[in-house]
């Protein structure tokens, strides 16, 4: 930048000889000449000019990152965690309303289906699926689990009318491939409604619930829909309920925060806001 070892040394509080030696060491390590040296003057070589462009950008980014980390701030921060389903299908489209109510709060959202990520030390409040029992954590119920079949309005076109839940077995059942033992699948749902799913029944398996619901919207079959997660799609006419039956379980989605720390005012504000959103229409 200075095209002067002397000026560079002055800026760095080093000797001119030290800077000159470091440049020579760098050139030896790189195997290229960075400067053309003349009497009492230096100029960048083509290699040096190219290297300067890249290094200057990196150094500016490093300086900015350091300033961000060390800058004092009194702005409150709220670290929220939840699974991919809640984040994608319920929280993200509503979160701007929370930020409008609390513009002074810096929100960080972690979306992960690994419960360990949602209960990490730096998370102030999480929304996760379970039975309400997490040792070392407070848990307040957000909503109970209610599950029912959903599909595209066009999926059942040209198919035999459904007369009972047992007729679902003959259709394309979209199944979530998941490691969670407590997550509802078609066999459990049908059994809870008095229907046995034949052994070896073929289904289309997807390991992402949001993608599973997208498949249902695209007329690829029937999916199990969780109340609140699919309510927006039902209201928009993207999905319909082909049968009236649903199944409630002992599980649900809970607000969870560490027991050793009292809930902050911001944690409680977020909990109260999310509860209010369950009955509020999802309008921009």
Protein backbone atom coordinates (compact mmCIF):
# COMPACT_ATOMS: atom_id res chain seq x y z
CA UNK A 1 0.00 0.00 0.00
CA UNK A 2 2.79 2.48 0.87
CA UNK A 3 5.34 1.14 -1.65
CA UNK A 4 7.85 1.95 1.08
CA UNK A 5 9.34 -0.44 3.64
CA UNK A 6 10.18 2.58 5.80
CA UNK A 7 6.57 3.86 5.94
CA UNK A 8 5.26 0.33 6.50
CA UNK A 9 7.71 -0.15 9.38
CA UNK A 10 6.61 3.15 10.93
CA UNK A 11 2.94 2.13 10.78
CA UNK A 12 3.69 -1.29 12.30
CA UNK A 13 6.10 0.03 14.95
CA UNK A 14 8.85 -2.16 13.57
CA UNK A 15 12.27 -1.45 12.14
CA UNK A 16 12.70 -1.05 8.41
CA UNK A 17 15.12 -3.98 8.45
CA UNK A 18 12.56 -6.22 10.16
CA UNK A 19 9.90 -5.44 7.56
CA UNK A 20 12.36 -5.96 4.70
CA UNK A 21 13.43 -9.33 6.13
CA UNK A 22 9.82 -10.49 6.58
CA UNK A 23 9.05 -9.58 2.96
CA UNK A 24 12.08 -11.56 1.81
CA UNK A 25 10.99 -14.55 3.92
CA UNK A 26 7.51 -14.33 2.40
CA UNK A 27 8.90 -14.21 -1.13
CA UNK A 28 11.06 -17.26 -0.41
CA UNK A 29 8.10 -19.20 0.97
CA UNK A 30 5.91 -18.26 -2.00
CA UNK A 31 8.65 -18.82 -4.54
CA UNK A 32 7.86 -15.56 -6.36
CA UNK A 33 9.13 -11.99 -6.30
CA UNK A 34 6.53 -9.61 -4.85
CA UNK A 35 8.53 -6.38 -5.30
CA UNK A 36 10.92 -5.01 -7.90
CA UNK A 37 13.62 -3.23 -5.91
CA UNK A 38 15.47 -0.18 -7.24
CA UNK A 39 17.70 2.39 -5.58
CA UNK A 40 15.68 3.94 -2.71
CA UNK A 41 12.38 2.71 -4.24
CA UNK A 42 10.26 -0.43 -4.66
CA UNK A 43 7.33 -1.26 -6.88
CA UNK A 44 4.97 -4.22 -6.92
CA UNK A 45 5.55 -7.04 -9.35
CA UNK A 46 2.59 -8.53 -11.23
CA UNK A 47 2.53 -11.32 -8.64
CA UNK A 48 2.69 -8.77 -5.83
CA UNK A 49 -0.16 -6.69 -7.26
CA UNK A 50 -2.40 -9.77 -7.63
CA UNK A 51 -1.50 -10.95 -4.12
CA UNK A 52 -2.17 -7.50 -2.65
CA UNK A 53 -5.70 -7.42 -4.05
CA UNK A 54 -6.62 -10.69 -2.36
CA UNK A 55 -4.77 -10.12 0.90
CA UNK A 56 -6.15 -6.57 1.31
CA UNK A 57 -9.70 -7.86 1.04
CA UNK A 58 -9.06 -10.61 3.59
CA UNK A 59 -7.42 -8.19 6.02
CA UNK A 60 -10.37 -5.77 5.77
CA UNK A 61 -12.78 -8.63 6.47
CA UNK A 62 -10.65 -9.74 9.42
CA UNK A 63 -10.58 -6.20 10.82
CA UNK A 64 -14.36 -5.88 10.45
CA UNK A 65 -14.96 -9.25 12.12
CA UNK A 66 -12.68 -8.27 15.00
CA UNK A 67 -14.44 -4.95 15.41
CA UNK A 68 -17.84 -6.70 15.49
CA UNK A 69 -16.65 -9.06 18.23
CA UNK A 70 -15.05 -6.39 20.39
CA UNK A 71 -17.52 -3.55 19.88
CA UNK A 72 -19.42 -2.80 23.10
CA UNK A 73 -23.20 -3.12 22.79
CA UNK A 74 -26.12 -3.01 25.14
CA UNK A 75 -28.51 -4.44 22.56
CA UNK A 76 -30.37 -7.45 24.02
CA UNK A 77 -29.91 -10.73 22.20
CA UNK A 78 -32.29 -13.69 21.97
CA UNK A 79 -30.95 -17.06 20.84
CA UNK A 80 -33.82 -19.29 19.70
CA UNK A 81 -33.61 -22.92 18.56
CA UNK A 82 -36.18 -25.24 17.03
CA UNK A 83 -36.43 -28.11 14.58
CA UNK A 84 -36.50 -27.72 10.80
CA UNK A 85 -40.27 -28.26 10.63
CA UNK A 86 -41.24 -25.51 13.07
CA UNK A 87 -38.61 -23.14 11.67
CA UNK A 88 -39.63 -23.61 8.03
CA UNK A 89 -43.38 -24.11 8.28
CA UNK A 90 -44.43 -21.96 11.22
CA UNK A 91 -41.85 -19.66 12.78
CA UNK A 92 -40.04 -18.00 9.88
CA UNK A 93 -43.10 -16.37 8.31
CA UNK A 94 -44.21 -15.06 11.72
CA UNK A 95 -40.87 -13.99 13.16
CA UNK A 96 -40.90 -10.58 11.40
CA UNK A 97 -43.91 -9.64 13.54
CA UNK A 98 -41.92 -10.39 16.69
CA UNK A 99 -39.05 -8.27 15.40
CA UNK A 100 -41.45 -5.42 14.67
CA UNK A 101 -42.65 -5.56 18.28
CA UNK A 102 -39.09 -5.73 19.65
CA UNK A 103 -36.84 -3.96 17.12
CA UNK A 104 -34.14 -3.48 19.76
CA UNK A 105 -33.60 -7.25 20.10
CA UNK A 106 -30.97 -9.05 18.01
CA UNK A 107 -32.49 -12.46 17.15
CA UNK A 108 -30.42 -15.54 16.32
CA UNK A 109 -32.32 -18.60 15.08
CA UNK A 110 -30.82 -22.11 15.12
CA UNK A 111 -32.80 -24.68 13.10
CA UNK A 112 -31.76 -28.27 13.80
CA UNK A 113 -33.42 -31.65 14.14
CA UNK A 114 -30.69 -32.64 16.60
CA UNK A 115 -32.08 -32.00 20.07
CA UNK A 116 -28.57 -31.44 21.40
CA UNK A 117 -28.26 -28.34 19.22
CA UNK A 118 -31.58 -27.01 20.51
CA UNK A 119 -30.52 -27.52 24.15
CA UNK A 120 -27.00 -26.13 23.76
CA UNK A 121 -25.60 -23.81 26.42
CA UNK A 122 -25.89 -20.68 24.29
CA UNK A 123 -29.61 -21.21 23.52
CA UNK A 124 -31.94 -19.13 25.68
CA UNK A 125 -35.22 -20.73 24.56
CA UNK A 126 -36.10 -23.58 22.22
CA UNK A 127 -39.30 -24.97 20.73
CA UNK A 128 -38.98 -28.75 20.52
CA UNK A 129 -41.14 -31.86 20.27
CA UNK A 130 -41.49 -34.23 23.19
CA UNK A 131 -43.42 -35.13 26.33
CA UNK A 132 -42.38 -32.10 28.39
CA UNK A 133 -39.67 -33.90 30.37
CA UNK A 134 -36.16 -32.57 29.82
CA UNK A 135 -34.03 -32.93 32.97
CA UNK A 136 -32.49 -29.62 33.91
CA UNK A 137 -34.93 -27.58 31.83
CA UNK A 138 -38.22 -25.78 32.29
CA UNK A 139 -40.89 -26.75 29.74
CA UNK A 140 -44.12 -24.90 28.90
CA UNK A 141 -46.53 -26.43 26.38
CA UNK A 142 -46.97 -24.49 23.15
CA UNK A 143 -49.44 -26.86 21.51
CA UNK A 144 -50.52 -30.48 21.83
CA UNK A 145 -49.87 -32.98 19.08
CA UNK A 146 -52.79 -33.58 16.71
CA UNK A 147 -52.08 -35.46 13.48
CA UNK A 148 -54.28 -36.05 10.42
CA UNK A 149 -53.84 -36.99 6.73
CA UNK A 150 -53.43 -34.21 4.15
CA UNK A 151 -53.01 -34.14 0.39
CA UNK A 152 -53.28 -31.87 -2.61
CA UNK A 153 -56.86 -30.97 -3.64
CA UNK A 154 -56.12 -32.58 -7.02
CA UNK A 155 -54.60 -35.80 -5.71
CA UNK A 156 -57.91 -37.63 -5.25
CA UNK A 157 -59.23 -36.62 -8.68
CA UNK A 158 -60.16 -39.73 -10.70
CA UNK A 159 -59.72 -41.93 -7.62
CA UNK A 160 -62.42 -43.92 -5.89
CA UNK A 161 -64.22 -41.84 -3.23
CA UNK A 162 -62.98 -42.45 0.29
CA UNK A 163 -65.59 -44.07 2.48
CA UNK A 164 -63.48 -44.84 5.56
CA UNK A 165 -59.98 -44.57 6.97
CA UNK A 166 -59.21 -48.10 5.72
CA UNK A 167 -59.42 -46.80 2.13
CA UNK A 168 -56.24 -44.78 2.72
CA UNK A 169 -54.14 -47.97 2.67
CA UNK A 170 -54.65 -48.29 -1.09
CA UNK A 171 -53.25 -44.78 -1.76
CA UNK A 172 -49.73 -43.38 -1.98
CA UNK A 173 -48.60 -42.81 1.60
CA UNK A 174 -45.72 -40.36 2.05
CA UNK A 175 -43.61 -41.50 4.98
CA UNK A 176 -41.13 -39.47 7.01
CA UNK A 177 -37.82 -41.27 7.44
CA UNK A 178 -36.73 -40.11 10.88
CA UNK A 179 -34.71 -41.37 13.83
CA UNK A 180 -37.20 -40.05 16.38
CA UNK A 181 -39.12 -42.90 18.00
CA UNK A 182 -41.83 -40.52 19.24
CA UNK A 183 -42.66 -39.05 15.81
CA UNK A 184 -45.94 -40.33 14.35
CA UNK A 185 -45.79 -42.59 11.28
CA UNK A 186 -48.53 -44.06 9.10
CA UNK A 187 -48.58 -47.43 10.85
CA UNK A 188 -49.07 -45.77 14.25
CA UNK A 189 -51.68 -43.34 12.94
CA UNK A 190 -53.72 -46.02 11.16
CA UNK A 191 -53.48 -48.35 14.15
CA UNK A 192 -54.75 -45.55 16.39
CA UNK A 193 -57.77 -45.32 14.09
CA UNK A 194 -58.42 -49.08 14.07
CA UNK A 195 -56.73 -49.95 10.76
CA UNK A 196 -53.74 -52.25 10.23
CA UNK A 197 -51.20 -51.32 7.60
CA UNK A 198 -50.25 -54.50 5.69
CA UNK A 199 -46.69 -55.72 6.18
CA UNK A 200 -44.41 -54.68 3.33
CA UNK A 201 -46.61 -51.79 2.28
CA UNK A 202 -44.59 -49.59 -0.06
CA UNK A 203 -44.40 -45.87 0.56
CA UNK A 204 -42.42 -42.87 -0.66
CA UNK A 205 -39.92 -42.01 2.09
CA UNK A 206 -38.39 -38.57 2.64
CA UNK A 207 -36.08 -37.59 5.50
CA UNK A 208 -37.30 -33.97 5.71
CA UNK A 209 -40.78 -33.09 6.94
CA UNK A 210 -41.00 -29.76 5.05
CA UNK A 211 -40.08 -31.64 1.84
CA UNK A 212 -42.62 -34.31 2.67
CA UNK A 213 -45.36 -31.67 2.81
CA UNK A 214 -44.11 -30.17 -0.46
CA UNK A 215 -44.48 -33.63 -2.03
CA UNK A 216 -48.07 -33.77 -0.77
CA UNK A 217 -48.77 -30.33 -2.25
CA UNK A 218 -47.41 -31.59 -5.58
CA UNK A 219 -49.92 -34.45 -5.80
CA UNK A 220 -47.43 -37.21 -4.94
CA UNK A 221 -49.53 -38.76 -2.21
CA UNK A 222 -50.90 -38.37 1.31
CA UNK A 223 -48.82 -37.08 4.20
CA UNK A 224 -49.46 -36.91 7.90
CA UNK A 225 -50.09 -33.30 8.81
CA UNK A 226 -49.39 -31.80 12.22
CA UNK A 227 -51.86 -29.20 13.36
CA UNK A 228 -50.36 -25.69 13.22
CA UNK A 229 -47.56 -26.88 10.96
CA UNK A 230 -49.93 -27.42 8.02
CA UNK A 231 -52.68 -24.97 9.01
CA UNK A 232 -51.35 -22.23 6.70
CA UNK A 233 -51.31 -24.61 3.73
CA UNK A 234 -54.85 -25.76 4.54
CA UNK A 235 -56.07 -22.18 4.80
CA UNK A 236 -54.43 -21.32 1.47
CA UNK A 237 -56.07 -24.30 -0.25
CA UNK A 238 -52.73 -25.95 -1.02
CA UNK A 239 -53.72 -28.96 1.09
CA UNK A 240 -57.00 -30.58 2.11
CA UNK A 241 -57.99 -33.19 4.68
CA UNK A 242 -59.34 -36.22 2.77
CA UNK A 243 -60.85 -37.73 5.94
CA UNK A 244 -62.09 -36.10 9.12
CA UNK A 245 -60.29 -38.41 11.55
CA UNK A 246 -57.29 -37.17 13.52
CA UNK A 247 -55.18 -38.57 16.32
CA UNK A 248 -54.03 -36.83 19.49
CA UNK A 249 -51.06 -38.06 21.48
CA UNK A 250 -49.36 -37.38 24.79
CA UNK A 251 -46.67 -35.40 22.98
CA UNK A 252 -46.49 -31.83 21.80
CA UNK A 253 -44.24 -28.87 21.13
CA UNK A 254 -42.81 -27.12 24.18
CA UNK A 255 -40.95 -23.95 25.07
CA UNK A 256 -37.80 -25.15 26.81
CA UNK A 257 -35.16 -23.13 28.68
CA UNK A 258 -32.44 -23.98 31.24
CA UNK A 259 -33.69 -24.61 34.77
CA UNK A 260 -30.58 -23.17 36.43
CA UNK A 261 -31.31 -19.77 34.86
CA UNK A 262 -34.47 -17.79 35.44
CA UNK A 263 -36.30 -16.97 32.25
CA UNK A 264 -35.28 -13.54 31.02
CA UNK A 265 -37.87 -10.91 30.22
CA UNK A 266 -37.07 -11.46 26.55
CA UNK A 267 -37.58 -15.24 26.81
CA UNK A 268 -40.99 -14.72 28.41
CA UNK A 269 -41.89 -12.08 25.84
CA UNK A 270 -41.07 -14.50 23.04
CA UNK A 271 -43.10 -17.27 24.70
CA UNK A 272 -46.13 -15.01 25.15
CA UNK A 273 -45.85 -13.71 21.59
CA UNK A 274 -45.64 -17.26 20.14
CA UNK A 275 -48.70 -18.31 22.15
CA UNK A 276 -50.63 -15.35 20.77
CA UNK A 277 -49.61 -16.33 17.22
CA UNK A 278 -51.42 -19.66 17.51
CA UNK A 279 -54.76 -17.88 17.23
CA UNK A 280 -53.67 -14.95 15.05
CA UNK A 281 -54.15 -15.10 11.28
CA UNK A 282 -50.85 -15.37 9.42
CA UNK A 283 -51.06 -12.11 7.49
CA UNK A 284 -48.06 -9.99 6.46
